[in-house]
């Protein structure tokens, strides 16, 4: 009577009709829309986190550059200071003779930096 392809087509159409009757297409569209909204929210969150991370990275790089500049300044001052001492001058202790040890101002600074008194004044 009819060939097999005909019955397959009829069964397929009946199946699609049953799915349409029970609203499967609405559920499918709603689930796709929900997924799209979740993905949009995740992308927005990722963009926000990325910008926050870039700002934090820039802040840390600025701090690193400042620390490097400070370290270079300290190293440069340490190179200059011994040359000053070798020439016999001392800006930290005015009036101090070159061979007399630490001055009172230096002792006072070392005490305050340690938070206590100097056991060997």
PDB file of N, CA and C in Angstrom:
ATOM      1  N   UNK A   1       0.832  -1.168   0.000  1.00  0.00           N
ATOM      2  CA  UNK A   1       0.000   0.000   0.000  1.00  0.00           C
ATOM      3  C   UNK A   1       0.894   1.256   0.000  1.00  0.00           C
ATOM      4  N   UNK A   2       1.298   1.805   1.170  1.00  0.00           N
ATOM      5  CA  UNK A   2       2.211   2.955   1.198  1.00  0.00           C
ATOM      6  C   UNK A   2       3.595   2.458   1.575  1.00  0.00           C
ATOM      7  N   UNK A   3       4.564   3.183   1.132  1.00  0.00           N
ATOM      8  CA  UNK A   3       5.930   2.768   1.415  1.00  0.00           C
ATOM      9  C   UNK A   3       6.343   3.205   2.823  1.00  0.00           C
ATOM     10  N   UNK A   4       7.470   2.721   3.264  1.00  0.00           N
ATOM     11  CA  UNK A   4       7.952   2.962   4.631  1.00  0.00           C
ATOM     12  C   UNK A   4       8.237   4.441   4.873  1.00  0.00           C
ATOM     13  N   UNK A   5       8.727   5.146   3.875  1.00  0.00           N
ATOM     14  CA  UNK A   5       9.034   6.568   4.050  1.00  0.00           C
ATOM     15  C   UNK A   5       7.775   7.359   4.395  1.00  0.00           C
ATOM     16  N   UNK A   6       6.663   6.986   3.820  1.00  0.00           N
ATOM     17  CA  UNK A   6       5.402   7.664   4.093  1.00  0.00           C
ATOM     18  C   UNK A   6       5.028   7.516   5.562  1.00  0.00           C
ATOM     19  N   UNK A   7       5.112   6.309   6.107  1.00  0.00           N
ATOM     20  CA  UNK A   7       4.757   6.067   7.499  1.00  0.00           C
ATOM     21  C   UNK A   7       5.735   6.754   8.461  1.00  0.00           C
ATOM     22  N   UNK A   8       6.977   6.860   8.072  1.00  0.00           N
ATOM     23  CA  UNK A   8       7.955   7.581   8.899  1.00  0.00           C
ATOM     24  C   UNK A   8       7.585   9.061   8.941  1.00  0.00           C
ATOM     25  N   UNK A   9       7.189   9.621   7.808  1.00  0.00           N
ATOM     26  CA  UNK A   9       6.802  11.029   7.763  1.00  0.00           C
ATOM     27  C   UNK A   9       5.547  11.262   8.606  1.00  0.00           C
ATOM     28  N   UNK A  10       4.563  10.366   8.531  1.00  0.00           N
ATOM     29  CA  UNK A  10       3.325  10.488   9.317  1.00  0.00           C
ATOM     30  C   UNK A  10       3.658  10.413  10.808  1.00  0.00           C
ATOM     31  N   UNK A  11       4.504   9.486  11.210  1.00  0.00           N
ATOM     32  CA  UNK A  11       4.878   9.340  12.625  1.00  0.00           C
ATOM     33  C   UNK A  11       5.615  10.584  13.123  1.00  0.00           C
ATOM     34  N   UNK A  12       6.472  11.132  12.260  1.00  0.00           N
ATOM     35  CA  UNK A  12       7.206  12.335  12.640  1.00  0.00           C
ATOM     36  C   UNK A  12       6.252  13.513  12.849  1.00  0.00           C
ATOM     37  N   UNK A  13       5.312  13.689  11.951  1.00  0.00           N
ATOM     38  CA  UNK A  13       4.341  14.772  12.084  1.00  0.00           C
ATOM     39  C   UNK A  13       3.475  14.595  13.335  1.00  0.00           C
ATOM     40  N   UNK A  14       3.061  13.355  13.619  1.00  0.00           N
ATOM     41  CA  UNK A  14       2.296  13.095  14.841  1.00  0.00           C
ATOM     42  C   UNK A  14       3.120  13.423  16.090  1.00  0.00           C
ATOM     43  N   UNK A  15       4.373  13.055  16.058  1.00  0.00           N
ATOM     44  CA  UNK A  15       5.266  13.338  17.191  1.00  0.00           C
ATOM     45  C   UNK A  15       5.404  14.847  17.401  1.00  0.00           C
ATOM     46  N   UNK A  16       5.605  15.599  16.332  1.00  0.00           N
ATOM     47  CA  UNK A  16       5.714  17.048  16.421  1.00  0.00           C
ATOM     48  C   UNK A  16       4.390  17.634  16.933  1.00  0.00           C
ATOM     49  N   UNK A  17       3.267  17.113  16.473  1.00  0.00           N
ATOM     50  CA  UNK A  17       1.965  17.581  16.935  1.00  0.00           C
ATOM     51  C   UNK A  17       1.776  17.350  18.424  1.00  0.00           C
ATOM     52  N   UNK A  18       2.173  16.185  18.935  1.00  0.00           N
ATOM     53  CA  UNK A  18       2.054  15.885  20.361  1.00  0.00           C
ATOM     54  C   UNK A  18       2.949  16.820  21.177  1.00  0.00           C
ATOM     55  N   UNK A  19       4.168  17.059  20.703  1.00  0.00           N
ATOM     56  CA  UNK A  19       5.069  17.987  21.404  1.00  0.00           C
ATOM     57  C   UNK A  19       4.468  19.391  21.444  1.00  0.00           C
ATOM     58  N   UNK A  20       3.879  19.819  20.327  1.00  0.00           N
ATOM     59  CA  UNK A  20       3.244  21.132  20.279  1.00  0.00           C
ATOM     60  C   UNK A  20       2.033  21.208  21.190  1.00  0.00           C
ATOM     61  N   UNK A  21       1.266  20.133  21.274  1.00  0.00           N
ATOM     62  CA  UNK A  21       0.068  20.104  22.111  1.00  0.00           C
ATOM     63  C   UNK A  21       0.429  20.266  23.587  1.00  0.00           C
ATOM     64  N   UNK A  22       1.506  19.626  24.011  1.00  0.00           N
ATOM     65  CA  UNK A  22       1.923  19.701  25.415  1.00  0.00           C
ATOM     66  C   UNK A  22       2.817  20.914  25.709  1.00  0.00           C
ATOM     67  N   UNK A  23       3.096  21.757  24.743  1.00  0.00           N
ATOM     68  CA  UNK A  23       3.851  22.999  24.961  1.00  0.00           C
ATOM     69  C   UNK A  23       5.342  22.816  25.118  1.00  0.00           C
ATOM     70  N   UNK A  24       5.888  21.814  24.492  1.00  0.00           N
ATOM     71  CA  UNK A  24       7.324  21.572  24.598  1.00  0.00           C
ATOM     72  C   UNK A  24       8.117  22.717  23.975  1.00  0.00           C
ATOM     73  N   UNK A  25       7.591  23.313  22.923  1.00  0.00           N
ATOM     74  CA  UNK A  25       8.318  24.396  22.265  1.00  0.00           C
ATOM     75  C   UNK A  25       8.413  25.628  23.178  1.00  0.00           C
ATOM     76  N   UNK A  26       7.389  25.891  23.984  1.00  0.00           N
ATOM     77  CA  UNK A  26       7.436  27.028  24.912  1.00  0.00           C
ATOM     78  C   UNK A  26       8.484  26.792  26.007  1.00  0.00           C
ATOM     79  N   UNK A  27       8.496  25.588  26.497  1.00  0.00           N
ATOM     80  CA  UNK A  27       9.491  25.259  27.527  1.00  0.00           C
ATOM     81  C   UNK A  27      10.907  25.364  26.960  1.00  0.00           C
ATOM     82  N   UNK A  28      11.070  24.898  25.741  1.00  0.00           N
ATOM     83  CA  UNK A  28      12.381  24.943  25.099  1.00  0.00           C
ATOM     84  C   UNK A  28      12.832  26.395  24.902  1.00  0.00           C
ATOM     85  N   UNK A  29      11.946  27.240  24.412  1.00  0.00           N
ATOM     86  CA  UNK A  29      12.277  28.653  24.202  1.00  0.00           C
ATOM     87  C   UNK A  29      12.565  29.341  25.538  1.00  0.00           C
ATOM     88  N   UNK A  30      11.759  29.044  26.557  1.00  0.00           N
ATOM     89  CA  UNK A  30      11.993  29.649  27.880  1.00  0.00           C
ATOM     90  C   UNK A  30      13.337  29.227  28.466  1.00  0.00           C
ATOM     91  N   UNK A  31      13.689  27.962  28.315  1.00  0.00           N
ATOM     92  CA  UNK A  31      14.968  27.502  28.861  1.00  0.00           C
ATOM     93  C   UNK A  31      16.132  28.139  28.103  1.00  0.00           C
ATOM     94  N   UNK A  32      15.973  28.325  26.787  1.00  0.00           N
ATOM     95  CA  UNK A  32      17.025  28.987  26.009  1.00  0.00           C
ATOM     96  C   UNK A  32      17.153  30.452  26.440  1.00  0.00           C
ATOM     97  N   UNK A  33      16.034  31.132  26.649  1.00  0.00           N
ATOM     98  CA  UNK A  33      16.068  32.527  27.103  1.00  0.00           C
ATOM     99  C   UNK A  33      16.709  32.658  28.485  1.00  0.00           C
ATOM    100  N   UNK A  34      16.370  31.740  29.384  1.00  0.00           N
ATOM    101  CA  UNK A  34      16.969  31.763  30.727  1.00  0.00           C
ATOM    102  C   UNK A  34      18.479  31.565  30.653  1.00  0.00           C
ATOM    103  N   UNK A  35      18.891  30.641  29.815  1.00  0.00           N
ATOM    104  CA  UNK A  35      20.323  30.382  29.661  1.00  0.00           C
ATOM    105  C   UNK A  35      21.024  31.610  29.082  1.00  0.00           C
ATOM    106  N   UNK A  36      20.397  32.267  28.107  1.00  0.00           N
ATOM    107  CA  UNK A  36      20.980  33.467  27.530  1.00  0.00           C
ATOM    108  C   UNK A  36      21.153  34.550  28.601  1.00  0.00           C
ATOM    109  N   UNK A  37      20.174  34.728  29.472  1.00  0.00           N
ATOM    110  CA  UNK A  37      20.258  35.735  30.537  1.00  0.00           C
ATOM    111  C   UNK A  37      21.361  35.388  31.540  1.00  0.00           C
ATOM    112  N   UNK A  38      21.491  34.099  31.867  1.00  0.00           N
ATOM    113  CA  UNK A  38      22.564  33.684  32.783  1.00  0.00           C
ATOM    114  C   UNK A  38      23.935  33.968  32.170  1.00  0.00           C
ATOM    115  N   UNK A  39      24.057  33.681  30.886  1.00  0.00           N
ATOM    116  CA  UNK A  39      25.335  33.924  30.214  1.00  0.00           C
ATOM    117  C   UNK A  39      25.647  35.417  30.175  1.00  0.00           C
ATOM    118  N   UNK A  40      24.633  36.249  29.889  1.00  0.00           N
ATOM    119  CA  UNK A  40      24.844  37.699  29.894  1.00  0.00           C
ATOM    120  C   UNK A  40      25.300  38.180  31.269  1.00  0.00           C
ATOM    121  N   UNK A  41      24.670  37.672  32.312  1.00  0.00           N
ATOM    122  CA  UNK A  41      25.041  38.067  33.678  1.00  0.00           C
ATOM    123  C   UNK A  41      26.473  37.631  33.997  1.00  0.00           C
ATOM    124  N   UNK A  42      26.849  36.426  33.584  1.00  0.00           N
ATOM    125  CA  UNK A  42      28.205  35.942  33.837  1.00  0.00           C
ATOM    126  C   UNK A  42      29.232  36.769  33.075  1.00  0.00           C
ATOM    127  N   UNK A  43      28.913  37.157  31.840  1.00  0.00           N
ATOM    128  CA  UNK A  43      29.832  37.986  31.068  1.00  0.00           C
ATOM    129  C   UNK A  43      29.983  39.370  31.699  1.00  0.00           C
ATOM    130  N   UNK A  44      28.883  39.932  32.180  1.00  0.00           N
ATOM    131  CA  UNK A  44      28.955  41.233  32.851  1.00  0.00           C
ATOM    132  C   UNK A  44      29.809  41.128  34.117  1.00  0.00           C
ATOM    133  N   UNK A  45      29.632  40.067  34.878  1.00  0.00           N
ATOM    134  CA  UNK A  45      30.426  39.846  36.087  1.00  0.00           C
ATOM    135  C   UNK A  45      31.902  39.670  35.730  1.00  0.00           C
ATOM    136  N   UNK A  46      32.175  38.939  34.649  1.00  0.00           N
ATOM    137  CA  UNK A  46      33.563  38.738  34.219  1.00  0.00           C
ATOM    138  C   UNK A  46      34.194  40.061  33.804  1.00  0.00           C
ATOM    139  N   UNK A  47      33.456  40.912  33.107  1.00  0.00           N
ATOM    140  CA  UNK A  47      33.985  42.222  32.719  1.00  0.00           C
ATOM    141  C   UNK A  47      34.279  43.071  33.958  1.00  0.00           C
ATOM    142  N   UNK A  48      33.370  43.037  34.928  1.00  0.00           N
ATOM    143  CA  UNK A  48      33.559  43.800  36.147  1.00  0.00           C
ATOM    144  C   UNK A  48      34.799  43.313  36.901  1.00  0.00           C
ATOM    145  N   UNK A  49      34.940  41.989  37.014  1.00  0.00           N
ATOM    146  CA  UNK A  49      36.101  41.437  37.706  1.00  0.00           C
ATOM    147  C   UNK A  49      37.397  41.753  36.965  1.00  0.00           C
ATOM    148  N   UNK A  50      37.338  41.734  35.643  1.00  0.00           N
ATOM    149  CA  UNK A  50      38.530  42.046  34.855  1.00  0.00           C
ATOM    150  C   UNK A  50      38.967  43.485  35.087  1.00  0.00           C
ATOM    151  N   UNK A  51      38.015  44.410  35.059  1.00  0.00           N
ATOM    152  CA  UNK A  51      38.380  45.814  35.279  1.00  0.00           C
ATOM    153  C   UNK A  51      38.898  46.021  36.700  1.00  0.00           C
ATOM    154  N   UNK A  52      38.303  45.338  37.659  1.00  0.00           N
ATOM    155  CA  UNK A  52      38.775  45.427  39.043  1.00  0.00           C
ATOM    156  C   UNK A  52      40.194  44.883  39.169  1.00  0.00           C
ATOM    157  N   UNK A  53      40.458  43.759  38.501  1.00  0.00           N
ATOM    158  CA  UNK A  53      41.793  43.164  38.552  1.00  0.00           C
ATOM    159  C   UNK A  53      42.820  44.059  37.860  1.00  0.00           C
ATOM    160  N   UNK A  54      42.429  44.690  36.748  1.00  0.00           N
ATOM    161  CA  UNK A  54      43.349  45.598  36.064  1.00  0.00           C
ATOM    162  C   UNK A  54      43.676  46.806  36.942  1.00  0.00           C
ATOM    163  N   UNK A  55      42.680  47.332  37.646  1.00  0.00           N
ATOM    164  CA  UNK A  55      42.917  48.460  38.540  1.00  0.00           C
ATOM    165  C   UNK A  55      43.846  48.052  39.680  1.00  0.00           C
ATOM    166  N   UNK A  56      43.627  46.865  40.230  1.00  0.00           N
ATOM    167  CA  UNK A  56      44.474  46.373  41.311  1.00  0.00           C
ATOM    168  C   UNK A  56      45.907  46.154  40.821  1.00  0.00           C
ATOM    169  N   UNK A  57      46.042  45.600  39.620  1.00  0.00           N
ATOM    170  CA  UNK A  57      47.369  45.381  39.043  1.00  0.00           C
ATOM    171  C   UNK A  57      48.082  46.709  38.830  1.00  0.00           C
ATOM    172  N   UNK A  58      47.378  47.705  38.324  1.00  0.00           N
ATOM    173  CA  UNK A  58      47.982  49.020  38.118  1.00  0.00           C
ATOM    174  C   UNK A  58      48.428  49.608  39.453  1.00  0.00           C
ATOM    175  N   UNK A  59      47.626  49.430  40.476  1.00  0.00           N
ATOM    176  CA  UNK A  59      47.976  49.932  41.802  1.00  0.00           C
ATOM    177  C   UNK A  59      49.253  49.249  42.308  1.00  0.00           C
ATOM    178  N   UNK A  60      49.330  47.939  42.170  1.00  0.00           N
ATOM    179  CA  UNK A  60      50.520  47.222  42.627  1.00  0.00           C
ATOM    180  C   UNK A  60      51.744  47.598  41.813  1.00  0.00           C
ATOM    181  N   UNK A  61      51.575  47.832  40.517  1.00  0.00           N
ATOM    182  CA  UNK A  61      52.717  48.237  39.699  1.00  0.00           C
ATOM    183  C   UNK A  61      53.206  49.622  40.113  1.00  0.00           C
ATOM    184  N   UNK A  62      52.264  50.536  40.425  1.00  0.00           N
ATOM    185  CA  UNK A  62      52.657  51.858  40.904  1.00  0.00           C
ATOM    186  C   UNK A  62      53.443  51.742  42.205  1.00  0.00           C
ATOM    187  N   UNK A  63      52.938  50.909  43.124  1.00  0.00           N
ATOM    188  CA  UNK A  63      53.632  50.713  44.404  1.00  0.00           C
ATOM    189  C   UNK A  63      55.015  50.119  44.182  1.00  0.00           C
ATOM    190  N   UNK A  64      55.117  49.196  43.232  1.00  0.00           N
ATOM    191  CA  UNK A  64      56.401  48.568  42.942  1.00  0.00           C
ATOM    192  C   UNK A  64      57.379  49.605  42.386  1.00  0.00           C
ATOM    193  N   UNK A  65      56.916  50.449  41.483  1.00  0.00           N
ATOM    194  CA  UNK A  65      57.787  51.492  40.929  1.00  0.00           C
ATOM    195  C   UNK A  65      58.228  52.468  42.011  1.00  0.00           C
ATOM    196  N   UNK A  66      57.293  52.826  42.904  1.00  0.00           N
ATOM    197  CA  UNK A  66      57.659  53.723  44.001  1.00  0.00           C
ATOM    198  C   UNK A  66      58.705  53.074  44.906  1.00  0.00           C
ATOM    199  N   UNK A  67      58.526  51.794  45.179  1.00  0.00           N
ATOM    200  CA  UNK A  67      59.489  51.081  46.025  1.00  0.00           C
ATOM    201  C   UNK A  67      60.855  50.994  45.340  1.00  0.00           C
ATOM    202  N   UNK A  68      60.844  50.770  44.022  1.00  0.00           N
ATOM    203  CA  UNK A  68      62.116  50.706  43.305  1.00  0.00           C
ATOM    204  C   UNK A  68      62.812  52.063  43.313  1.00  0.00           C
ATOM    205  N   UNK A  69      62.037  53.149  43.129  1.00  0.00           N
ATOM    206  CA  UNK A  69      62.624  54.484  43.185  1.00  0.00           C
ATOM    207  C   UNK A  69      63.208  54.765  44.565  1.00  0.00           C
ATOM    208  N   UNK A  70      62.454  54.368  45.600  1.00  0.00           N
ATOM    209  CA  UNK A  70      62.931  54.578  46.963  1.00  0.00           C
ATOM    210  C   UNK A  70      64.201  53.770  47.217  1.00  0.00           C
ATOM    211  N   UNK A  71      64.229  52.539  46.721  1.00  0.00           N
ATOM    212  CA  UNK A  71      65.419  51.706  46.898  1.00  0.00           C
ATOM    213  C   UNK A  71      66.611  52.315  46.167  1.00  0.00           C
ATOM    214  N   UNK A  72      66.381  52.833  44.971  1.00  0.00           N
ATOM    215  CA  UNK A  72      67.480  53.481  44.240  1.00  0.00           C
ATOM    216  C   UNK A  72      67.975  54.716  44.979  1.00  0.00           C
ATOM    217  N   UNK A  73      67.034  55.460  45.565  1.00  0.00           N
ATOM    218  CA  UNK A  73      67.416  56.640  46.335  1.00  0.00           C
ATOM    219  C   UNK A  73      68.250  56.242  47.546  1.00  0.00           C
ATOM    220  N   UNK A  74      67.839  55.186  48.222  1.00  0.00           N
ATOM    221  CA  UNK A  74      68.577  54.707  49.397  1.00  0.00           C
ATOM    222  C   UNK A  74      69.966  54.238  48.997  1.00  0.00           C
ATOM    223  N   UNK A  75      70.051  53.479  47.909  1.00  0.00           N
ATOM    224  CA  UNK A  75      71.349  52.985  47.450  1.00  0.00           C
ATOM    225  C   UNK A  75      72.239  54.155  47.052  1.00  0.00           C
ATOM    226  N   UNK A  76      71.665  55.124  46.368  1.00  0.00           N
ATOM    227  CA  UNK A  76      72.453  56.291  45.961  1.00  0.00           C
ATOM    228  C   UNK A  76      72.931  57.068  47.181  1.00  0.00           C
ATOM    229  N   UNK A  77      72.071  57.222  48.184  1.00  0.00           N
ATOM    230  CA  UNK A  77      72.487  57.952  49.386  1.00  0.00           C
ATOM    231  C   UNK A  77      73.553  57.169  50.150  1.00  0.00           C
ATOM    232  N   UNK A  78      73.496  55.876  50.135  1.00  0.00           N
ATOM    233  CA  UNK A  78      74.518  55.064  50.817  1.00  0.00           C
ATOM    234  C   UNK A  78      75.855  55.156  50.100  1.00  0.00           C
ATOM    235  N   UNK A  79      75.801  55.356  48.779  1.00  0.00           N
ATOM    236  CA  UNK A  79      77.053  55.510  48.032  1.00  0.00           C
ATOM    237  C   UNK A  79      77.667  56.878  48.310  1.00  0.00           C
ATOM    238  N   UNK A  80      76.824  57.885  48.482  1.00  0.00           N
ATOM    239  CA  UNK A  80      77.314  59.242  48.727  1.00  0.00           C
ATOM    240  C   UNK A  80      77.832  59.379  50.153  1.00  0.00           C
ATOM    241  N   UNK A  81      77.144  58.777  51.118  1.00  0.00           N
ATOM    242  CA  UNK A  81      77.483  58.932  52.530  1.00  0.00           C
ATOM    243  C   UNK A  81      78.910  58.459  52.860  1.00  0.00           C
ATOM    244  N   UNK A  82      79.334  57.259  52.399  1.00  0.00           N
ATOM    245  CA  UNK A  82      80.716  56.858  52.716  1.00  0.00           C
ATOM    246  C   UNK A  82      81.742  57.818  52.124  1.00  0.00           C
ATOM    247  N   UNK A  83      81.460  58.355  50.951  1.00  0.00           N
ATOM    248  CA  UNK A  83      82.398  59.310  50.360  1.00  0.00           C
ATOM    249  C   UNK A  83      82.495  60.554  51.236  1.00  0.00           C
ATOM    250  N   UNK A  84      81.409  60.987  51.826  1.00  0.00           N
ATOM    251  CA  UNK A  84      81.400  62.138  52.721  1.00  0.00           C
ATOM    252  C   UNK A  84      82.214  61.836  53.971  1.00  0.00           C
ATOM    253  N   UNK A  85      82.064  60.630  54.520  1.00  0.00           N
ATOM    254  CA  UNK A  85      82.818  60.245  55.728  1.00  0.00           C
ATOM    255  C   UNK A  85      84.305  60.144  55.430  1.00  0.00           C
ATOM    256  N   UNK A  86      84.662  59.690  54.249  1.00  0.00           N
ATOM    257  CA  UNK A  86      86.074  59.580  53.907  1.00  0.00           C
ATOM    258  C   UNK A  86      86.716  60.948  53.775  1.00  0.00           C
ATOM    259  N   UNK A  87      85.936  61.933  53.390  1.00  0.00           N
ATOM    260  CA  UNK A  87      86.471  63.285  53.260  1.00  0.00           C
ATOM    261  C   UNK A  87      86.586  63.996  54.597  1.00  0.00           C
ATOM    262  N   UNK A  88      86.122  63.381  55.657  1.00  0.00           N
ATOM    263  CA  UNK A  88      86.246  63.955  56.984  1.00  0.00           C
ATOM    264  C   UNK A  88      85.035  64.752  57.409  1.00  0.00           C
ATOM    265  N   UNK A  89      84.055  64.926  56.558  1.00  0.00           N
ATOM    266  CA  UNK A  89      82.871  65.689  56.904  1.00  0.00           C
ATOM    267  C   UNK A  89      81.780  64.778  57.430  1.00  0.00           C
ATOM    268  N   UNK A  90      80.893  65.337  58.250  1.00  0.00           N
ATOM    269  CA  UNK A  90      79.775  64.554  58.760  1.00  0.00           C
ATOM    270  C   UNK A  90      78.585  65.477  58.925  1.00  0.00           C
ATOM    271  N   UNK A  91      77.584  65.309  58.079  1.00  0.00           N
ATOM    272  CA  UNK A  91      76.416  66.168  58.158  1.00  0.00           C
ATOM    273  C   UNK A  91      75.485  65.751  59.296  1.00  0.00           C
ATOM    274  N   UNK A  92      75.533  64.485  59.732  1.00  0.00           N
ATOM    275  CA  UNK A  92      74.641  64.018  60.790  1.00  0.00           C
ATOM    276  C   UNK A  92      75.015  64.600  62.150  1.00  0.00           C
ATOM    277  N   UNK A  93      76.310  64.765  62.421  1.00  0.00           N
ATOM    278  CA  UNK A  93      76.778  65.231  63.730  1.00  0.00           C
ATOM    279  C   UNK A  93      77.675  66.444  63.540  1.00  0.00           C
ATOM    280  N   UNK A  94      77.083  67.631  63.436  1.00  0.00           N
ATOM    281  CA  UNK A  94      77.933  68.818  63.271  1.00  0.00           C
ATOM    282  C   UNK A  94      78.809  69.028  64.508  1.00  0.00           C
ATOM    283  N   UNK A  95      80.023  69.397  64.296  1.00  0.00           N
ATOM    284  CA  UNK A  95      80.943  69.638  65.413  1.00  0.00           C
ATOM    285  C   UNK A  95      81.645  68.383  65.879  1.00  0.00           C
ATOM    286  N   UNK A  96      81.408  67.278  65.293  1.00  0.00           N
ATOM    287  CA  UNK A  96      82.020  66.011  65.693  1.00  0.00           C
ATOM    288  C   UNK A  96      83.360  65.868  64.990  1.00  0.00           C
ATOM    289  N   UNK A  97      84.336  65.451  65.702  1.00  0.00           N
ATOM    290  CA  UNK A  97      85.619  65.199  65.059  1.00  0.00           C
ATOM    291  C   UNK A  97      85.585  63.811  64.423  1.00  0.00           C
ATOM    292  N   UNK A  98      86.320  63.602  63.335  1.00  0.00           N
ATOM    293  CA  UNK A  98      86.189  62.370  62.557  1.00  0.00           C
ATOM    294  C   UNK A  98      86.497  61.082  63.312  1.00  0.00           C
ATOM    295  N   UNK A  99      87.335  61.054  64.295  1.00  0.00           N
ATOM    296  CA  UNK A  99      87.702  59.784  64.915  1.00  0.00           C
ATOM    297  C   UNK A  99      87.049  59.514  66.249  1.00  0.00           C
ATOM    298  N   UNK A 100      85.915  60.093  66.578  1.00  0.00           N
ATOM    299  CA  UNK A 100      85.374  60.034  67.931  1.00  0.00           C
ATOM    300  C   UNK A 100      84.209  59.075  68.129  1.00  0.00           C
ATOM    301  N   UNK A 101      83.831  58.239  67.226  1.00  0.00           N
ATOM    302  CA  UNK A 101      82.711  57.324  67.428  1.00  0.00           C
ATOM    303  C   UNK A 101      81.380  57.978  67.105  1.00  0.00           C
ATOM    304  N   UNK A 102      80.314  57.374  67.596  1.00  0.00           N
ATOM    305  CA  UNK A 102      78.972  57.892  67.293  1.00  0.00           C
ATOM    306  C   UNK A 102      78.699  59.153  68.085  1.00  0.00           C
ATOM    307  N   UNK A 103      77.918  60.041  67.508  1.00  0.00           N
ATOM    308  CA  UNK A 103      77.537  61.250  68.238  1.00  0.00           C
ATOM    309  C   UNK A 103      76.270  60.982  69.038  1.00  0.00           C
ATOM    310  N   UNK A 104      75.938  61.908  69.913  1.00  0.00           N
ATOM    311  CA  UNK A 104      74.766  61.739  70.773  1.00  0.00           C
ATOM    312  C   UNK A 104      73.486  61.664  69.950  1.00  0.00           C
ATOM    313  N   UNK A 105      73.411  62.429  68.885  1.00  0.00           N
ATOM    314  CA  UNK A 105      72.228  62.404  68.031  1.00  0.00           C
ATOM    315  C   UNK A 105      72.050  61.027  67.410  1.00  0.00           C
ATOM    316  N   UNK A 106      73.131  60.415  66.982  1.00  0.00           N
ATOM    317  CA  UNK A 106      73.057  59.064  66.408  1.00  0.00           C
ATOM    318  C   UNK A 106      72.602  58.049  67.433  1.00  0.00           C
ATOM    319  N   UNK A 107      73.090  58.186  68.685  1.00  0.00           N
ATOM    320  CA  UNK A 107      72.657  57.271  69.738  1.00  0.00           C
ATOM    321  C   UNK A 107      71.176  57.452  70.030  1.00  0.00           C
ATOM    322  N   UNK A 108      70.751  58.681  70.048  1.00  0.00           N
ATOM    323  CA  UNK A 108      69.351  58.967  70.331  1.00  0.00           C
ATOM    324  C   UNK A 108      68.461  58.365  69.235  1.00  0.00           C
ATOM    325  N   UNK A 109      68.861  58.488  68.002  1.00  0.00           N
ATOM    326  CA  UNK A 109      68.086  57.913  66.898  1.00  0.00           C
ATOM    327  C   UNK A 109      68.038  56.395  66.977  1.00  0.00           C
ATOM    328  N   UNK A 110      69.159  55.778  67.316  1.00  0.00           N
ATOM    329  CA  UNK A 110      69.171  54.325  67.381  1.00  0.00           C
ATOM    330  C   UNK A 110      68.304  53.825  68.535  1.00  0.00           C
ATOM    331  N   UNK A 111      68.297  54.545  69.667  1.00  0.00           N
ATOM    332  CA  UNK A 111      67.437  54.160  70.786  1.00  0.00           C
ATOM    333  C   UNK A 111      65.972  54.239  70.400  1.00  0.00           C
ATOM    334  N   UNK A 112      65.596  55.331  69.756  1.00  0.00           N
ATOM    335  CA  UNK A 112      64.182  55.504  69.413  1.00  0.00           C
ATOM    336  C   UNK A 112      63.755  54.491  68.355  1.00  0.00           C
ATOM    337  N   UNK A 113      64.645  54.102  67.468  1.00  0.00           N
ATOM    338  CA  UNK A 113      64.256  53.130  66.443  1.00  0.00           C
ATOM    339  C   UNK A 113      64.111  51.732  67.026  1.00  0.00           C
ATOM    340  N   UNK A 114      64.867  51.426  68.102  1.00  0.00           N
ATOM    341  CA  UNK A 114      64.738  50.113  68.740  1.00  0.00           C
ATOM    342  C   UNK A 114      63.633  50.091  69.769  1.00  0.00           C
ATOM    343  N   UNK A 115      63.177  51.238  70.202  1.00  0.00           N
ATOM    344  CA  UNK A 115      62.092  51.292  71.175  1.00  0.00           C
ATOM    345  C   UNK A 115      62.564  51.121  72.604  1.00  0.00           C
ATOM    346  N   UNK A 116      63.816  51.193  72.872  1.00  0.00           N
ATOM    347  CA  UNK A 116      64.296  51.042  74.256  1.00  0.00           C
ATOM    348  C   UNK A 116      65.536  51.866  74.470  1.00  0.00           C
ATOM    349  N   UNK A 117      66.182  51.657  75.583  1.00  0.00           N
ATOM    350  CA  UNK A 117      67.384  52.412  75.856  1.00  0.00           C
ATOM    351  C   UNK A 117      68.590  51.642  75.319  1.00  0.00           C
ATOM    352  N   UNK A 118      69.645  52.363  75.060  1.00  0.00           N
ATOM    353  CA  UNK A 118      70.863  51.776  74.543  1.00  0.00           C
ATOM    354  C   UNK A 118      71.681  51.217  75.694  1.00  0.00           C
ATOM    355  N   UNK A 119      71.980  49.925  75.755  1.00  0.00           N
ATOM    356  CA  UNK A 119      72.729  49.365  76.882  1.00  0.00           C
ATOM    357  C   UNK A 119      74.169  49.826  76.913  1.00  0.00           C
ATOM    358  N   UNK A 120      74.715  50.228  75.767  1.00  0.00           N
ATOM    359  CA  UNK A 120      76.107  50.692  75.695  1.00  0.00           C
ATOM    360  C   UNK A 120      76.130  52.108  75.147  1.00  0.00           C
ATOM    361  N   UNK A 121      75.916  53.112  75.982  1.00  0.00           N
ATOM    362  CA  UNK A 121      75.866  54.494  75.461  1.00  0.00           C
ATOM    363  C   UNK A 121      77.170  55.008  74.985  1.00  0.00           C
TER     364      UNK A 121
END
